[in-house]
């Protein structure tokens, strides 16, 4: 996975990291998150790395469809 393949998107009011090459979506955090980039930076500063756990293929495709439809 390369950083250039990833993008931050808000879908249905929640923040997700999407990888369009693999059509995989990673849940980033709660709807209370004000600044996702600050969250990622803090996580990397504290732990040195960040683990992303993908949603299921069905959930990912559903969320990508919602994103395409503008939700």
N, C-alpha and C. Protein backbone atom coordinates (compact mmCIF):
# COMPACT_ATOMS: atom_id res chain seq x y z
N UNK A 1 0.85 -1.17 0.00
CA UNK A 1 0.00 0.00 0.00
C UNK A 1 0.90 1.24 0.00
N UNK A 2 0.55 2.17 -0.83
CA UNK A 2 1.30 3.40 -0.93
C UNK A 2 0.41 4.57 -0.55
N UNK A 3 0.99 5.59 0.04
CA UNK A 3 0.22 6.74 0.49
C UNK A 3 -0.52 7.41 -0.66
N UNK A 4 0.04 7.38 -1.86
CA UNK A 4 -0.60 7.98 -3.01
C UNK A 4 -1.88 7.29 -3.43
N UNK A 5 -2.06 6.05 -2.99
CA UNK A 5 -3.26 5.29 -3.32
C UNK A 5 -4.42 5.60 -2.39
N UNK A 6 -4.15 6.26 -1.29
CA UNK A 6 -5.16 6.46 -0.26
C UNK A 6 -5.73 7.87 -0.30
N UNK A 7 -6.99 7.98 0.12
CA UNK A 7 -7.59 9.31 0.26
C UNK A 7 -8.54 9.29 1.44
N UNK A 8 -8.72 10.46 2.04
CA UNK A 8 -9.65 10.63 3.15
C UNK A 8 -11.00 11.06 2.59
N UNK A 9 -12.05 10.39 3.03
CA UNK A 9 -13.40 10.74 2.57
C UNK A 9 -14.37 10.68 3.73
N UNK A 10 -15.34 11.56 3.68
CA UNK A 10 -16.43 11.51 4.64
C UNK A 10 -17.62 10.88 3.93
N UNK A 11 -18.06 9.75 4.46
CA UNK A 11 -19.17 9.02 3.88
C UNK A 11 -20.21 8.82 4.97
N UNK A 12 -21.43 9.25 4.71
CA UNK A 12 -22.53 9.11 5.66
C UNK A 12 -22.19 9.73 7.03
N UNK A 13 -21.37 10.78 7.02
CA UNK A 13 -21.05 11.49 8.25
C UNK A 13 -19.85 10.94 9.01
N UNK A 14 -19.22 9.87 8.55
CA UNK A 14 -18.07 9.27 9.22
C UNK A 14 -16.84 9.38 8.32
N UNK A 15 -15.67 9.42 8.95
CA UNK A 15 -14.43 9.54 8.19
C UNK A 15 -13.87 8.15 7.87
N UNK A 16 -13.45 7.99 6.62
CA UNK A 16 -12.87 6.74 6.15
C UNK A 16 -11.63 7.03 5.32
N UNK A 17 -10.73 6.08 5.29
CA UNK A 17 -9.61 6.11 4.36
C UNK A 17 -9.97 5.13 3.26
N UNK A 18 -9.93 5.58 2.02
CA UNK A 18 -10.30 4.72 0.91
C UNK A 18 -9.10 4.45 0.02
N UNK A 19 -9.02 3.23 -0.44
CA UNK A 19 -8.01 2.81 -1.40
C UNK A 19 -8.75 2.39 -2.66
N UNK A 20 -8.72 3.24 -3.67
CA UNK A 20 -9.49 2.98 -4.88
C UNK A 20 -8.88 1.87 -5.73
N UNK A 21 -7.58 1.63 -5.60
CA UNK A 21 -6.95 0.57 -6.39
C UNK A 21 -7.48 -0.80 -6.00
N UNK A 22 -7.66 -1.01 -4.71
CA UNK A 22 -8.15 -2.31 -4.24
C UNK A 22 -9.62 -2.26 -3.86
N UNK A 23 -10.23 -1.09 -3.95
CA UNK A 23 -11.63 -0.86 -3.55
C UNK A 23 -11.85 -1.31 -2.11
N UNK A 24 -10.93 -0.87 -1.25
CA UNK A 24 -11.00 -1.20 0.16
C UNK A 24 -11.20 0.08 0.96
N UNK A 25 -12.01 -0.01 2.01
CA UNK A 25 -12.29 1.13 2.86
C UNK A 25 -11.85 0.79 4.28
N UNK A 26 -11.19 1.75 4.93
CA UNK A 26 -10.71 1.59 6.30
C UNK A 26 -11.41 2.62 7.17
N UNK A 27 -11.99 2.18 8.26
CA UNK A 27 -12.66 3.09 9.17
C UNK A 27 -11.62 3.89 9.93
N UNK A 28 -11.79 5.20 9.97
CA UNK A 28 -10.79 6.05 10.59
C UNK A 28 -11.14 6.43 12.02
N UNK A 29 -12.36 6.76 12.29
CA UNK A 29 -12.71 7.16 13.64
C UNK A 29 -14.16 7.55 13.76
N UNK A 30 -14.49 8.13 14.86
CA UNK A 30 -15.89 8.46 15.14
C UNK A 30 -16.31 9.73 14.41
N UNK A 31 -17.60 10.00 14.47
CA UNK A 31 -18.15 11.19 13.83
C UNK A 31 -17.75 12.46 14.56
N UNK A 32 -17.18 12.33 15.76
CA UNK A 32 -16.75 13.50 16.53
C UNK A 32 -15.38 14.03 16.11
N UNK A 33 -14.72 13.31 15.21
CA UNK A 33 -13.37 13.69 14.79
C UNK A 33 -13.41 15.03 14.06
N UNK A 34 -12.65 15.98 14.56
CA UNK A 34 -12.62 17.31 13.97
C UNK A 34 -11.62 17.40 12.82
N UNK A 35 -10.45 16.82 13.00
CA UNK A 35 -9.40 16.93 12.01
C UNK A 35 -8.72 15.58 11.83
N UNK A 36 -9.06 14.82 10.79
CA UNK A 36 -8.49 13.49 10.61
C UNK A 36 -6.98 13.50 10.37
N UNK A 37 -6.46 14.54 9.72
CA UNK A 37 -5.01 14.61 9.50
C UNK A 37 -4.26 14.78 10.81
N UNK A 38 -4.80 15.58 11.71
CA UNK A 38 -4.20 15.76 13.04
C UNK A 38 -4.23 14.46 13.81
N UNK A 39 -5.34 13.72 13.71
CA UNK A 39 -5.46 12.42 14.36
C UNK A 39 -4.38 11.46 13.86
N UNK A 40 -4.19 11.39 12.54
CA UNK A 40 -3.19 10.51 11.96
C UNK A 40 -1.79 10.93 12.39
N UNK A 41 -1.51 12.22 12.36
CA UNK A 41 -0.20 12.73 12.79
C UNK A 41 0.08 12.39 14.24
N UNK A 42 -0.90 12.60 15.12
CA UNK A 42 -0.72 12.27 16.54
C UNK A 42 -0.48 10.78 16.74
N UNK A 43 -1.21 9.96 16.01
CA UNK A 43 -1.05 8.51 16.11
C UNK A 43 0.36 8.09 15.68
N UNK A 44 0.85 8.68 14.61
CA UNK A 44 2.19 8.35 14.13
C UNK A 44 3.27 8.87 15.08
N UNK A 45 3.07 10.04 15.66
CA UNK A 45 4.05 10.58 16.61
C UNK A 45 4.11 9.75 17.88
N UNK A 46 2.96 9.28 18.36
CA UNK A 46 2.92 8.50 19.60
C UNK A 46 3.44 7.08 19.42
N UNK A 47 3.03 6.43 18.31
CA UNK A 47 3.32 5.00 18.15
C UNK A 47 4.34 4.69 17.06
N UNK A 48 4.63 5.65 16.21
CA UNK A 48 5.57 5.41 15.13
C UNK A 48 4.95 4.71 13.92
N UNK A 49 3.76 4.15 14.08
CA UNK A 49 3.06 3.52 12.97
C UNK A 49 1.57 3.51 13.27
N UNK A 50 0.81 3.24 12.24
CA UNK A 50 -0.64 3.22 12.39
C UNK A 50 -1.16 1.99 11.66
N UNK A 51 -1.96 1.23 12.34
CA UNK A 51 -2.54 0.04 11.74
C UNK A 51 -3.93 0.35 11.21
N UNK A 52 -4.17 -0.05 9.98
CA UNK A 52 -5.48 0.12 9.36
C UNK A 52 -6.10 -1.25 9.18
N UNK A 53 -7.33 -1.39 9.62
CA UNK A 53 -8.05 -2.66 9.49
C UNK A 53 -9.17 -2.47 8.49
N UNK A 54 -9.13 -3.19 7.38
CA UNK A 54 -10.13 -2.97 6.33
C UNK A 54 -11.50 -3.49 6.73
N UNK A 55 -12.51 -2.84 6.20
CA UNK A 55 -13.86 -3.34 6.33
C UNK A 55 -14.03 -4.51 5.36
N UNK A 56 -15.10 -5.25 5.52
CA UNK A 56 -15.33 -6.38 4.60
C UNK A 56 -15.52 -5.86 3.18
N UNK A 57 -15.34 -6.72 2.22
CA UNK A 57 -15.48 -6.33 0.82
C UNK A 57 -16.89 -5.80 0.55
N UNK A 58 -17.90 -6.44 1.13
CA UNK A 58 -19.28 -5.99 0.94
C UNK A 58 -19.50 -4.59 1.52
N UNK A 59 -18.99 -4.37 2.74
CA UNK A 59 -19.13 -3.05 3.37
C UNK A 59 -18.37 -2.00 2.57
N UNK A 60 -17.17 -2.36 2.12
CA UNK A 60 -16.36 -1.41 1.34
C UNK A 60 -17.07 -1.00 0.06
N UNK A 61 -17.61 -1.97 -0.66
CA UNK A 61 -18.29 -1.65 -1.91
C UNK A 61 -19.54 -0.82 -1.67
N UNK A 62 -20.25 -1.11 -0.58
CA UNK A 62 -21.44 -0.34 -0.24
C UNK A 62 -21.08 1.11 0.07
N UNK A 63 -20.01 1.31 0.85
CA UNK A 63 -19.58 2.66 1.19
C UNK A 63 -19.07 3.42 -0.03
N UNK A 64 -18.35 2.74 -0.92
CA UNK A 64 -17.87 3.39 -2.14
C UNK A 64 -19.04 3.78 -3.03
N UNK A 65 -20.08 2.96 -3.03
CA UNK A 65 -21.29 3.29 -3.80
C UNK A 65 -21.98 4.51 -3.19
N UNK A 66 -22.04 4.57 -1.84
CA UNK A 66 -22.61 5.73 -1.18
C UNK A 66 -21.81 6.99 -1.49
N UNK A 67 -20.49 6.86 -1.51
CA UNK A 67 -19.63 8.00 -1.84
C UNK A 67 -19.90 8.48 -3.27
N UNK A 68 -20.03 7.55 -4.17
CA UNK A 68 -20.30 7.90 -5.57
C UNK A 68 -21.66 8.58 -5.72
N UNK A 69 -22.62 8.18 -4.88
CA UNK A 69 -23.96 8.78 -4.94
C UNK A 69 -24.06 10.07 -4.16
N UNK A 70 -22.99 10.45 -3.45
CA UNK A 70 -22.96 11.74 -2.76
C UNK A 70 -23.48 11.73 -1.35
N UNK A 71 -23.48 10.60 -0.70
CA UNK A 71 -23.96 10.54 0.68
C UNK A 71 -22.86 10.87 1.63
